[in-house]
Amino acid sequence: MTKKLPFYTATFFVLLCMGSAISAASAQQSSAQISKHPAAKVVQDYLRLALARKWEASAKLIEPNSLENLRDSYVRRIKRPGTTVEEETAMVQKLGKADVEEVAKMSPADFYAAYNTALQEKYDLTNEVLTLIANTLELRLLSIALEGDELAHILVRTSHRDNRNQVTNLELVSLRKIRDEWKVALNEQIPMIVPLDEIDPVRKPPPVK
């Protein structure tokens, strides 16, 4: 059975690998060089929209499979053993739905927008603050790592101000080329664990008689 690790673990692992790659081979990449790759504009648009909390627009830049996986993972969290009625109700109502079946029927893009809008409300980000973030946002492309012709990972340093702080962050965005378009591929930052028996059946020990 294939297992997926938590997203934050995936991000840390890939950043660690990217850090090694940058120091060894990509340290001389400039923002201008990285910008020549067609995936670079998608990354910048995606980060600007996400930081401005324009969820419907940013969802259009994400590959459908990644959006679908986000929704399905949330539904599984609701249904997992041990979830209390109160917890289930809170998770469902956060999205403005009556029950888990309604959540499962949401389009992946609608789920993405509703989930992130709920987070935005939790942190009480006003329109004035969002405008300030958008107006002060700076993006610096640090490195690009390519896996063949259809997968790219771009490391970006972001900087912006809110009503209280100057905020800087390091963002790693993975993208997949689908036909002629580059889309943000959230799935690519989820480590996959596959038992060796599924990869190489010869390794599987014979059944005990």
N, C-alpha and C. Protein backbone atom coordinates (compact mmCIF):
# COMPACT_ATOMS: atom_id res chain seq x y z
N MET A 1 0.84 -1.20 0.00
CA MET A 1 0.00 0.00 0.00
C MET A 1 0.88 1.25 0.00
N THR A 2 0.58 2.16 -0.90
CA THR A 2 1.32 3.42 -0.96
C THR A 2 0.88 4.34 0.16
N LYS A 3 1.86 4.94 0.86
CA LYS A 3 1.55 5.86 1.95
C LYS A 3 2.05 7.25 1.60
N LYS A 4 1.33 8.26 2.07
CA LYS A 4 1.72 9.65 1.87
C LYS A 4 2.04 10.27 3.21
N LEU A 5 3.18 10.95 3.30
CA LEU A 5 3.57 11.62 4.53
C LEU A 5 2.91 12.99 4.61
N PRO A 6 2.85 13.58 5.82
CA PRO A 6 2.27 14.91 5.96
C PRO A 6 2.95 15.93 5.08
N PHE A 7 2.17 16.94 4.65
CA PHE A 7 2.68 17.94 3.71
C PHE A 7 3.87 18.69 4.26
N TYR A 8 3.84 19.05 5.57
CA TYR A 8 4.95 19.83 6.11
C TYR A 8 6.24 19.03 6.11
N THR A 9 6.12 17.69 6.32
CA THR A 9 7.30 16.84 6.26
C THR A 9 7.86 16.82 4.85
N ALA A 10 6.96 16.75 3.87
CA ALA A 10 7.40 16.75 2.48
C ALA A 10 8.13 18.03 2.14
N THR A 11 7.58 19.15 2.55
CA THR A 11 8.20 20.43 2.24
C THR A 11 9.59 20.53 2.85
N PHE A 12 9.73 20.11 4.10
CA PHE A 12 11.03 20.17 4.75
C PHE A 12 12.03 19.30 4.03
N PHE A 13 11.62 18.09 3.64
CA PHE A 13 12.52 17.16 2.98
C PHE A 13 12.99 17.71 1.63
N VAL A 14 12.03 18.23 0.85
CA VAL A 14 12.40 18.74 -0.47
C VAL A 14 13.27 19.98 -0.35
N LEU A 15 12.95 20.85 0.62
CA LEU A 15 13.80 22.03 0.83
C LEU A 15 15.21 21.63 1.20
N LEU A 16 15.34 20.57 2.02
CA LEU A 16 16.66 20.10 2.41
C LEU A 16 17.43 19.63 1.18
N CYS A 17 16.75 18.87 0.33
CA CYS A 17 17.41 18.39 -0.89
C CYS A 17 17.73 19.55 -1.83
N MET A 18 16.80 20.49 -1.94
CA MET A 18 17.04 21.64 -2.80
C MET A 18 18.21 22.47 -2.30
N GLY A 19 18.33 22.59 -0.98
CA GLY A 19 19.43 23.36 -0.41
C GLY A 19 20.77 22.77 -0.80
N SER A 20 20.85 21.44 -0.76
CA SER A 20 22.09 20.77 -1.16
C SER A 20 22.36 20.98 -2.64
N ALA A 21 21.29 20.89 -3.44
CA ALA A 21 21.46 21.06 -4.88
C ALA A 21 21.90 22.48 -5.23
N ILE A 22 21.30 23.45 -4.55
CA ILE A 22 21.65 24.84 -4.82
C ILE A 22 23.12 25.11 -4.53
N SER A 23 23.59 24.65 -3.38
CA SER A 23 24.97 24.90 -3.00
C SER A 23 25.95 24.17 -3.90
N ALA A 24 25.52 23.01 -4.41
CA ALA A 24 26.44 22.21 -5.21
C ALA A 24 26.45 22.60 -6.69
N ALA A 25 25.22 22.93 -7.23
CA ALA A 25 25.18 23.10 -8.67
C ALA A 25 24.44 24.33 -9.15
N SER A 26 23.56 24.91 -8.33
CA SER A 26 22.68 25.94 -8.84
C SER A 26 22.94 27.31 -8.24
N ALA A 27 24.01 27.45 -7.50
CA ALA A 27 24.26 28.71 -6.79
C ALA A 27 24.40 29.89 -7.72
N GLN A 28 24.79 29.65 -8.97
CA GLN A 28 25.04 30.75 -9.88
C GLN A 28 23.80 31.14 -10.68
N GLN A 29 22.67 30.50 -10.43
CA GLN A 29 21.46 30.87 -11.15
C GLN A 29 21.02 32.26 -10.73
N SER A 30 20.63 33.07 -11.69
CA SER A 30 20.11 34.40 -11.39
C SER A 30 18.61 34.41 -11.62
N SER A 31 17.95 35.40 -11.01
CA SER A 31 16.50 35.51 -11.20
C SER A 31 16.16 35.68 -12.68
N ALA A 32 17.00 36.41 -13.41
CA ALA A 32 16.75 36.62 -14.83
C ALA A 32 16.81 35.31 -15.61
N GLN A 33 17.77 34.46 -15.25
CA GLN A 33 17.89 33.16 -15.92
C GLN A 33 16.68 32.28 -15.61
N ILE A 34 16.28 32.26 -14.34
CA ILE A 34 15.15 31.43 -13.94
C ILE A 34 13.87 31.92 -14.60
N SER A 35 13.73 33.24 -14.74
CA SER A 35 12.52 33.83 -15.31
C SER A 35 12.30 33.42 -16.76
N LYS A 36 13.35 32.97 -17.43
CA LYS A 36 13.21 32.54 -18.83
C LYS A 36 12.41 31.25 -18.95
N HIS A 37 12.35 30.47 -17.87
CA HIS A 37 11.58 29.23 -17.92
C HIS A 37 10.09 29.58 -17.83
N PRO A 38 9.24 28.98 -18.66
CA PRO A 38 7.81 29.33 -18.65
C PRO A 38 7.10 29.04 -17.33
N ALA A 39 7.65 28.14 -16.51
CA ALA A 39 7.02 27.85 -15.22
C ALA A 39 7.21 28.99 -14.23
N ALA A 40 8.20 29.84 -14.46
CA ALA A 40 8.52 30.91 -13.50
C ALA A 40 7.37 31.91 -13.37
N LYS A 41 6.75 32.27 -14.47
CA LYS A 41 5.64 33.23 -14.41
C LYS A 41 4.46 32.64 -13.65
N VAL A 42 4.22 31.35 -13.83
CA VAL A 42 3.11 30.69 -13.13
C VAL A 42 3.36 30.73 -11.62
N VAL A 43 4.61 30.48 -11.22
CA VAL A 43 4.96 30.54 -9.80
C VAL A 43 4.68 31.92 -9.23
N GLN A 44 5.13 32.94 -9.93
CA GLN A 44 4.95 34.30 -9.43
C GLN A 44 3.47 34.69 -9.35
N ASP A 45 2.71 34.32 -10.37
CA ASP A 45 1.28 34.61 -10.35
C ASP A 45 0.59 33.87 -9.21
N TYR A 46 0.96 32.61 -9.04
CA TYR A 46 0.35 31.78 -7.98
C TYR A 46 0.63 32.35 -6.59
N LEU A 47 1.88 32.73 -6.33
CA LEU A 47 2.22 33.25 -5.02
C LEU A 47 1.56 34.61 -4.77
N ARG A 48 1.50 35.45 -5.78
CA ARG A 48 0.84 36.75 -5.61
C ARG A 48 -0.65 36.57 -5.29
N LEU A 49 -1.29 35.67 -6.00
CA LEU A 49 -2.72 35.43 -5.76
C LEU A 49 -2.96 34.79 -4.40
N ALA A 50 -2.10 33.83 -4.04
CA ALA A 50 -2.28 33.16 -2.76
C ALA A 50 -2.06 34.11 -1.59
N LEU A 51 -1.02 34.92 -1.66
CA LEU A 51 -0.74 35.85 -0.57
C LEU A 51 -1.79 36.97 -0.50
N ALA A 52 -2.44 37.24 -1.63
CA ALA A 52 -3.54 38.21 -1.64
C ALA A 52 -4.87 37.55 -1.30
N ARG A 53 -4.84 36.25 -1.03
CA ARG A 53 -6.02 35.45 -0.67
C ARG A 53 -7.08 35.47 -1.77
N LYS A 54 -6.64 35.44 -3.02
CA LYS A 54 -7.57 35.35 -4.14
C LYS A 54 -7.65 33.87 -4.55
N TRP A 55 -8.44 33.13 -3.79
CA TRP A 55 -8.40 31.68 -3.87
C TRP A 55 -8.99 31.13 -5.17
N GLU A 56 -10.09 31.71 -5.64
CA GLU A 56 -10.68 31.21 -6.88
C GLU A 56 -9.70 31.35 -8.04
N ALA A 57 -9.00 32.47 -8.08
CA ALA A 57 -8.04 32.70 -9.16
C ALA A 57 -6.82 31.80 -9.02
N SER A 58 -6.32 31.63 -7.80
CA SER A 58 -5.13 30.80 -7.62
C SER A 58 -5.44 29.33 -7.89
N ALA A 59 -6.68 28.90 -7.64
CA ALA A 59 -7.06 27.50 -7.90
C ALA A 59 -6.91 27.16 -9.37
N LYS A 60 -7.11 28.14 -10.25
CA LYS A 60 -7.00 27.90 -11.69
C LYS A 60 -5.57 27.59 -12.11
N LEU A 61 -4.60 27.91 -11.26
CA LEU A 61 -3.20 27.65 -11.59
C LEU A 61 -2.69 26.33 -11.01
N ILE A 62 -3.55 25.60 -10.31
CA ILE A 62 -3.17 24.33 -9.69
C ILE A 62 -3.71 23.18 -10.51
N GLU A 63 -2.92 22.12 -10.65
CA GLU A 63 -3.36 20.98 -11.43
C GLU A 63 -4.59 20.34 -10.76
N PRO A 64 -5.55 19.86 -11.55
CA PRO A 64 -6.77 19.27 -11.00
C PRO A 64 -6.53 18.13 -10.02
N ASN A 65 -5.55 17.26 -10.30
CA ASN A 65 -5.30 16.13 -9.41
C ASN A 65 -4.90 16.57 -8.01
N SER A 66 -4.13 17.66 -7.92
CA SER A 66 -3.71 18.15 -6.61
C SER A 66 -4.90 18.72 -5.83
N LEU A 67 -5.77 19.44 -6.53
CA LEU A 67 -6.96 19.98 -5.87
C LEU A 67 -7.87 18.85 -5.39
N GLU A 68 -8.02 17.84 -6.22
CA GLU A 68 -8.87 16.71 -5.85
C GLU A 68 -8.30 15.98 -4.64
N ASN A 69 -6.99 15.85 -4.58
CA ASN A 69 -6.36 15.17 -3.46
C ASN A 69 -6.54 15.96 -2.16
N LEU A 70 -6.50 17.30 -2.24
CA LEU A 70 -6.73 18.12 -1.06
C LEU A 70 -8.13 17.88 -0.49
N ARG A 71 -9.12 17.88 -1.37
CA ARG A 71 -10.49 17.65 -0.91
C ARG A 71 -10.66 16.25 -0.33
N ASP A 72 -10.16 15.25 -1.03
CA ASP A 72 -10.33 13.88 -0.58
C ASP A 72 -9.60 13.63 0.74
N SER A 73 -8.45 14.25 0.92
CA SER A 73 -7.71 14.10 2.18
C SER A 73 -8.49 14.70 3.34
N TYR A 74 -9.15 15.83 3.09
CA TYR A 74 -9.96 16.47 4.13
C TYR A 74 -11.15 15.59 4.50
N VAL A 75 -11.78 14.99 3.51
CA VAL A 75 -12.91 14.09 3.77
C VAL A 75 -12.45 12.89 4.59
N ARG A 76 -11.28 12.37 4.26
CA ARG A 76 -10.77 11.22 5.03
C ARG A 76 -10.48 11.61 6.48
N ARG A 77 -10.01 12.84 6.69
CA ARG A 77 -9.77 13.31 8.06
C ARG A 77 -11.06 13.37 8.85
N ILE A 78 -12.13 13.82 8.18
CA ILE A 78 -13.42 13.89 8.86
C ILE A 78 -13.90 12.48 9.25
N LYS A 79 -13.70 11.53 8.35
CA LYS A 79 -14.24 10.18 8.54
C LYS A 79 -13.32 9.25 9.33
N ARG A 80 -12.12 9.69 9.66
CA ARG A 80 -11.17 8.79 10.31
C ARG A 80 -11.70 8.35 11.67
N PRO A 81 -11.34 7.14 12.10
CA PRO A 81 -11.77 6.66 13.40
C PRO A 81 -11.28 7.57 14.53
N GLY A 82 -12.15 7.81 15.49
CA GLY A 82 -11.76 8.65 16.61
C GLY A 82 -12.24 10.08 16.50
N THR A 83 -12.69 10.50 15.30
CA THR A 83 -13.21 11.85 15.16
C THR A 83 -14.54 11.95 15.90
N THR A 84 -14.65 12.91 16.78
CA THR A 84 -15.88 13.08 17.56
C THR A 84 -16.95 13.78 16.71
N VAL A 85 -18.19 13.70 17.16
CA VAL A 85 -19.28 14.37 16.46
C VAL A 85 -19.04 15.87 16.42
N GLU A 86 -18.53 16.41 17.52
CA GLU A 86 -18.26 17.85 17.58
C GLU A 86 -17.17 18.25 16.58
N GLU A 87 -16.12 17.44 16.50
CA GLU A 87 -15.04 17.72 15.55
C GLU A 87 -15.53 17.64 14.11
N GLU A 88 -16.30 16.61 13.82
CA GLU A 88 -16.84 16.45 12.46
C GLU A 88 -17.73 17.63 12.09
N THR A 89 -18.59 18.02 13.02
CA THR A 89 -19.49 19.16 12.76
C THR A 89 -18.70 20.43 12.48
N ALA A 90 -17.66 20.67 13.28
CA ALA A 90 -16.84 21.88 13.10
C ALA A 90 -16.13 21.87 11.75
N MET A 91 -15.59 20.72 11.35
CA MET A 91 -14.88 20.64 10.08
C MET A 91 -15.82 20.83 8.90
N VAL A 92 -17.03 20.34 9.02
CA VAL A 92 -18.01 20.47 7.95
C VAL A 92 -18.53 21.91 7.88
N GLN A 93 -18.89 22.47 9.03
CA GLN A 93 -19.45 23.82 9.05
C GLN A 93 -18.43 24.87 8.64
N LYS A 94 -17.15 24.58 8.85
CA LYS A 94 -16.09 25.50 8.41
C LYS A 94 -16.21 25.80 6.93
N LEU A 95 -16.71 24.82 6.17
CA LEU A 95 -16.83 24.97 4.72
C LEU A 95 -18.24 25.39 4.31
N GLY A 96 -19.10 25.64 5.29
CA GLY A 96 -20.46 26.06 4.99
C GLY A 96 -21.34 24.93 4.51
N LYS A 97 -21.04 23.70 4.91
CA LYS A 97 -21.81 22.55 4.49
C LYS A 97 -22.53 21.91 5.68
N ALA A 98 -23.53 21.07 5.36
CA ALA A 98 -24.34 20.46 6.41
C ALA A 98 -23.78 19.14 6.90
N ASP A 99 -23.10 18.40 6.01
CA ASP A 99 -22.56 17.09 6.40
C ASP A 99 -21.38 16.74 5.51
N VAL A 100 -20.71 15.64 5.84
CA VAL A 100 -19.50 15.25 5.13
C VAL A 100 -19.79 14.87 3.68
N GLU A 101 -21.01 14.35 3.43
CA GLU A 101 -21.36 13.99 2.05
C GLU A 101 -21.38 15.23 1.16
N GLU A 102 -21.84 16.35 1.70
CA GLU A 102 -21.84 17.59 0.93
C GLU A 102 -20.41 18.06 0.64
N VAL A 103 -19.53 17.87 1.61
CA VAL A 103 -18.13 18.24 1.41
C VAL A 103 -17.53 17.39 0.28
N ALA A 104 -17.82 16.09 0.30
CA ALA A 104 -17.27 15.18 -0.70
C ALA A 104 -17.77 15.51 -2.10
N LYS A 105 -18.94 16.15 -2.21
CA LYS A 105 -19.51 16.48 -3.50
C LYS A 105 -19.03 17.83 -4.03
N MET A 106 -18.29 18.59 -3.21
CA MET A 106 -17.79 19.89 -3.67
C MET A 106 -16.81 19.69 -4.82
N SER A 107 -16.80 20.62 -5.75
CA SER A 107 -15.75 20.56 -6.77
C SER A 107 -14.42 20.83 -6.09
N PRO A 108 -13.33 20.24 -6.58
CA PRO A 108 -12.03 20.47 -5.96
C PRO A 108 -11.67 21.95 -5.83
N ALA A 109 -11.99 22.74 -6.85
CA ALA A 109 -11.66 24.17 -6.81
C ALA A 109 -12.50 24.89 -5.76
N ASP A 110 -13.78 24.53 -5.65
CA ASP A 110 -14.64 25.15 -4.65
C ASP A 110 -14.18 24.79 -3.24
N PHE A 111 -13.75 23.54 -3.06
CA PHE A 111 -13.24 23.14 -1.74
C PHE A 111 -12.01 23.96 -1.38
N TYR A 112 -11.08 24.08 -2.32
CA TYR A 112 -9.84 24.82 -2.09
C TYR A 112 -10.15 26.25 -1.67
N ALA A 113 -11.07 26.90 -2.37
CA ALA A 113 -11.41 28.28 -2.06
C ALA A 113 -12.10 28.39 -0.70
N ALA A 114 -13.03 27.48 -0.41
CA ALA A 114 -13.76 27.53 0.86
C ALA A 114 -12.85 27.24 2.04
N TYR A 115 -11.96 26.29 1.89
CA TYR A 115 -11.06 25.92 2.98
C TYR A 115 -10.12 27.09 3.31
N ASN A 116 -9.54 27.68 2.29
CA ASN A 116 -8.60 28.77 2.52
C ASN A 116 -9.30 30.05 2.98
N THR A 117 -10.53 30.26 2.52
CA THR A 117 -11.30 31.41 3.00
C THR A 117 -11.56 31.27 4.50
N ALA A 118 -11.86 30.05 4.95
CA ALA A 118 -12.08 29.81 6.37
C ALA A 118 -10.82 30.10 7.18
N LEU A 119 -9.67 29.74 6.64
CA LEU A 119 -8.41 30.05 7.33
C LEU A 119 -8.19 31.56 7.38
N GLN A 120 -8.50 32.22 6.28
CA GLN A 120 -8.35 33.68 6.23
C GLN A 120 -9.20 34.35 7.30
N GLU A 121 -10.44 33.90 7.47
CA GLU A 121 -11.33 34.47 8.48
C GLU A 121 -10.81 34.19 9.89
N LYS A 122 -10.18 33.02 10.06
CA LYS A 122 -9.64 32.67 11.37
C LYS A 122 -8.57 33.66 11.80
N TYR A 123 -7.76 34.10 10.85
CA TYR A 123 -6.67 35.03 11.17
C TYR A 123 -7.06 36.49 11.01
N ASP A 124 -8.33 36.73 10.69
CA ASP A 124 -8.88 38.09 10.67
C ASP A 124 -8.07 39.03 9.79
N LEU A 125 -7.89 38.62 8.54
CA LEU A 125 -7.18 39.46 7.58
C LEU A 125 -8.18 40.35 6.85
N THR A 126 -8.14 41.62 7.14
CA THR A 126 -9.08 42.56 6.53
C THR A 126 -8.66 42.89 5.10
N ASN A 127 -9.56 43.51 4.36
CA ASN A 127 -9.25 43.92 2.99
C ASN A 127 -8.10 44.93 2.96
N GLU A 128 -8.04 45.77 3.97
CA GLU A 128 -6.96 46.75 4.04
C GLU A 128 -5.60 46.06 4.19
N VAL A 129 -5.55 45.03 5.05
CA VAL A 129 -4.30 44.29 5.25
C VAL A 129 -3.92 43.55 3.97
N LEU A 130 -4.90 42.94 3.31
CA LEU A 130 -4.63 42.20 2.08
C LEU A 130 -4.11 43.13 0.99
N THR A 131 -4.64 44.33 0.94
CA THR A 131 -4.16 45.31 -0.04
C THR A 131 -2.72 45.71 0.27
N LEU A 132 -2.41 45.87 1.55
CA LEU A 132 -1.05 46.23 1.95
C LEU A 132 -0.07 45.10 1.59
N ILE A 133 -0.49 43.87 1.83
CA ILE A 133 0.36 42.72 1.48
C ILE A 133 0.64 42.72 -0.02
N ALA A 134 -0.41 42.89 -0.82
CA ALA A 134 -0.25 42.87 -2.28
C ALA A 134 0.65 44.00 -2.77
N ASN A 135 0.52 45.17 -2.17
CA ASN A 135 1.30 46.34 -2.62
C ASN A 135 2.76 46.28 -2.22
N THR A 136 3.07 45.54 -1.16
CA THR A 136 4.45 45.49 -0.68
C THR A 136 5.16 44.18 -1.01
N LEU A 137 4.45 43.28 -1.67
CA LEU A 137 5.01 41.95 -1.95
C LEU A 137 6.18 42.02 -2.93
N GLU A 138 7.27 41.36 -2.58
CA GLU A 138 8.43 41.21 -3.45
C GLU A 138 8.76 39.72 -3.57
N LEU A 139 9.04 39.28 -4.77
CA LEU A 139 9.39 37.89 -5.03
C LEU A 139 10.78 37.82 -5.66
N ARG A 140 11.62 36.99 -5.10
CA ARG A 140 12.97 36.81 -5.65
C ARG A 140 13.18 35.34 -5.97
N LEU A 141 13.32 35.03 -7.24
CA LEU A 141 13.54 33.65 -7.68
C LEU A 141 14.97 33.25 -7.36
N LEU A 142 15.12 32.16 -6.59
CA LEU A 142 16.45 31.75 -6.14
C LEU A 142 17.04 30.60 -6.94
N SER A 143 16.18 29.64 -7.31
CA SER A 143 16.72 28.47 -7.99
C SER A 143 15.60 27.70 -8.67
N ILE A 144 15.97 26.98 -9.72
CA ILE A 144 15.03 26.09 -10.38
C ILE A 144 15.69 24.73 -10.57
N ALA A 145 14.97 23.68 -10.24
CA ALA A 145 15.46 22.31 -10.44
C ALA A 145 14.47 21.60 -11.36
N LEU A 146 14.98 20.99 -12.41
CA LEU A 146 14.12 20.33 -13.40
C LEU A 146 14.24 18.82 -13.30
N GLU A 147 13.10 18.16 -13.41
CA GLU A 147 13.06 16.70 -13.52
C GLU A 147 12.46 16.38 -14.88
N GLY A 148 13.31 16.16 -15.85
CA GLY A 148 12.82 15.92 -17.19
C GLY A 148 12.23 17.18 -17.80
N ASP A 149 11.28 17.00 -18.72
CA ASP A 149 10.69 18.12 -19.42
C ASP A 149 9.35 18.55 -18.84
N GLU A 150 8.81 17.80 -17.87
CA GLU A 150 7.44 18.07 -17.42
C GLU A 150 7.32 18.36 -15.93
N LEU A 151 8.44 18.46 -15.22
CA LEU A 151 8.37 18.72 -13.79
C LEU A 151 9.46 19.71 -13.39
N ALA A 152 9.06 20.75 -12.66
CA ALA A 152 10.02 21.77 -12.22
C ALA A 152 9.73 22.13 -10.76
N HIS A 153 10.81 22.48 -10.04
CA HIS A 153 10.69 22.92 -8.65
C HIS A 153 11.41 24.27 -8.56
N ILE A 154 10.69 25.30 -8.12
CA ILE A 154 11.26 26.64 -8.07
C ILE A 154 11.24 27.16 -6.63
N LEU A 155 12.40 27.64 -6.20
CA LEU A 155 12.57 28.17 -4.85
C LEU A 155 12.48 29.69 -4.91
N VAL A 156 11.62 30.27 -4.06
CA VAL A 156 11.35 31.70 -4.11
C VAL A 156 11.43 32.30 -2.71
N ARG A 157 12.10 33.46 -2.60
CA ARG A 157 12.11 34.22 -1.35
C ARG A 157 11.03 35.29 -1.47
N THR A 158 10.05 35.26 -0.57
CA THR A 158 8.99 36.26 -0.58
C THR A 158 9.19 37.25 0.57
N SER A 159 8.73 38.47 0.35
CA SER A 159 8.81 39.50 1.38
C SER A 159 7.61 40.43 1.24
N HIS A 160 6.95 40.74 2.36
CA HIS A 160 5.82 41.67 2.33
C HIS A 160 5.59 42.25 3.72
N ARG A 161 4.76 43.25 3.78
CA ARG A 161 4.38 43.85 5.05
C ARG A 161 2.89 43.65 5.29
N ASP A 162 2.54 43.43 6.57
CA ASP A 162 1.13 43.51 6.94
C ASP A 162 0.99 44.74 7.85
N ASN A 163 -0.07 44.82 8.61
CA ASN A 163 -0.26 46.02 9.43
C ASN A 163 0.61 46.04 10.69
N ARG A 164 1.37 44.96 10.92
CA ARG A 164 2.22 44.91 12.11
C ARG A 164 3.67 44.54 11.84
N ASN A 165 3.92 43.76 10.80
CA ASN A 165 5.25 43.18 10.63
C ASN A 165 5.74 43.21 9.19
N GLN A 166 7.07 43.09 9.06
CA GLN A 166 7.70 42.77 7.79
C GLN A 166 7.88 41.26 7.79
N VAL A 167 7.36 40.59 6.78
CA VAL A 167 7.35 39.13 6.76
C VAL A 167 8.16 38.62 5.57
N THR A 168 9.11 37.72 5.85
CA THR A 168 9.85 37.06 4.77
C THR A 168 9.67 35.56 4.91
N ASN A 169 9.68 34.88 3.78
CA ASN A 169 9.46 33.44 3.81
C ASN A 169 10.14 32.80 2.61
N LEU A 170 10.43 31.52 2.75
CA LEU A 170 11.03 30.75 1.66
C LEU A 170 9.97 29.78 1.15
N GLU A 171 9.64 29.90 -0.12
CA GLU A 171 8.59 29.08 -0.72
C GLU A 171 9.18 28.15 -1.78
N LEU A 172 8.81 26.90 -1.69
CA LEU A 172 9.18 25.94 -2.73
C LEU A 172 7.90 25.53 -3.47
N VAL A 173 7.86 25.79 -4.76
CA VAL A 173 6.68 25.48 -5.56
C VAL A 173 7.06 24.47 -6.64
N SER A 174 6.31 23.37 -6.68
CA SER A 174 6.51 22.37 -7.72
C SER A 174 5.47 22.57 -8.80
N LEU A 175 5.86 22.36 -10.05
CA LEU A 175 4.96 22.56 -11.17
C LEU A 175 5.09 21.41 -12.15
N ARG A 176 3.96 21.06 -12.76
CA ARG A 176 3.95 20.01 -13.78
C ARG A 176 3.39 20.58 -15.09
N LYS A 177 4.01 20.18 -16.18
CA LYS A 177 3.53 20.61 -17.49
C LYS A 177 2.43 19.67 -17.95
N ILE A 178 1.25 20.23 -18.14
CA ILE A 178 0.10 19.44 -18.60
C ILE A 178 -0.28 19.98 -19.98
N ARG A 179 -0.06 19.13 -20.98
CA ARG A 179 -0.16 19.58 -22.36
C ARG A 179 0.79 20.76 -22.57
N ASP A 180 0.28 21.95 -22.82
CA ASP A 180 1.19 23.08 -23.06
C ASP A 180 1.19 24.09 -21.92
N GLU A 181 0.59 23.72 -20.78
CA GLU A 181 0.49 24.64 -19.66
C GLU A 181 1.21 24.10 -18.43
N TRP A 182 1.86 25.01 -17.69
CA TRP A 182 2.47 24.65 -16.42
C TRP A 182 1.47 24.92 -15.30
N LYS A 183 1.28 23.92 -14.43
CA LYS A 183 0.35 24.04 -13.32
C LYS A 183 1.08 23.71 -12.01
N VAL A 184 0.68 24.39 -10.94
CA VAL A 184 1.24 24.09 -9.62
C VAL A 184 0.84 22.68 -9.23
N ALA A 185 1.82 21.88 -8.84
CA ALA A 185 1.60 20.46 -8.54
C ALA A 185 1.86 20.21 -7.06
N LEU A 186 0.84 20.43 -6.24
CA LEU A 186 0.99 20.22 -4.80
C LEU A 186 1.31 18.77 -4.47
N ASN A 187 0.81 17.85 -5.27
CA ASN A 187 1.05 16.42 -5.01
C ASN A 187 2.53 16.06 -5.05
N GLU A 188 3.32 16.83 -5.79
CA GLU A 188 4.72 16.48 -5.96
C GLU A 188 5.53 16.72 -4.69
N GLN A 189 4.97 17.37 -3.69
CA GLN A 189 5.70 17.59 -2.44
C GLN A 189 5.21 16.65 -1.33
N ILE A 190 4.50 15.62 -1.71
CA ILE A 190 4.05 14.62 -0.74
C ILE A 190 4.89 13.36 -0.95
N PRO A 191 5.80 13.03 -0.01
CA PRO A 191 6.61 11.81 -0.17
C PRO A 191 5.73 10.57 -0.27
N MET A 192 6.12 9.67 -1.12
CA MET A 192 5.38 8.42 -1.31
C MET A 192 6.20 7.26 -0.75
N ILE A 193 5.56 6.40 0.03
CA ILE A 193 6.22 5.22 0.56
C ILE A 193 5.53 3.99 -0.02
N VAL A 194 6.28 3.23 -0.79
CA VAL A 194 5.74 2.03 -1.42
C VAL A 194 6.54 0.82 -0.92
N PRO A 195 5.89 -0.18 -0.31
CA PRO A 195 6.60 -1.37 0.15
C PRO A 195 7.38 -2.02 -0.99
N LEU A 196 8.58 -2.50 -0.69
CA LEU A 196 9.41 -3.13 -1.72
C LEU A 196 8.72 -4.32 -2.34
N ASP A 197 7.86 -5.00 -1.60
CA ASP A 197 7.17 -6.16 -2.14
C ASP A 197 6.28 -5.78 -3.33
N GLU A 198 5.77 -4.55 -3.32
CA GLU A 198 4.92 -4.11 -4.43
C GLU A 198 5.76 -3.72 -5.64
N ILE A 199 6.99 -3.29 -5.40
CA ILE A 199 7.87 -2.90 -6.50
C ILE A 199 8.55 -4.12 -7.11
N ASP A 200 9.01 -5.01 -6.25
CA ASP A 200 9.74 -6.20 -6.69
C ASP A 200 9.16 -7.42 -5.98
N PRO A 201 8.17 -8.09 -6.59
CA PRO A 201 7.54 -9.24 -5.96
C PRO A 201 8.51 -10.35 -5.60
N VAL A 202 9.67 -10.39 -6.26
CA VAL A 202 10.65 -11.45 -5.98
C VAL A 202 11.14 -11.35 -4.54
N ARG A 203 11.16 -10.13 -4.00
CA ARG A 203 11.62 -9.93 -2.62
C ARG A 203 10.65 -10.50 -1.60
N LYS A 204 9.39 -10.72 -2.01
CA LYS A 204 8.38 -11.16 -1.06
C LYS A 204 8.68 -12.58 -0.59
N PRO A 205 8.80 -12.81 0.71
CA PRO A 205 9.12 -14.15 1.20
C PRO A 205 7.96 -15.11 0.94
N PRO A 206 8.27 -16.37 0.73
CA PRO A 206 7.21 -17.35 0.49
C PRO A 206 6.33 -17.50 1.72
N PRO A 207 5.05 -17.81 1.54
CA PRO A 207 4.15 -17.97 2.68
C PRO A 207 4.58 -19.13 3.57
N VAL A 208 4.35 -18.94 4.86
CA VAL A 208 4.69 -20.00 5.82
C VAL A 208 3.64 -21.12 5.71
N LYS A 209 4.14 -22.35 5.58
CA LYS A 209 3.23 -23.51 5.47
C LYS A 209 3.04 -24.16 6.85
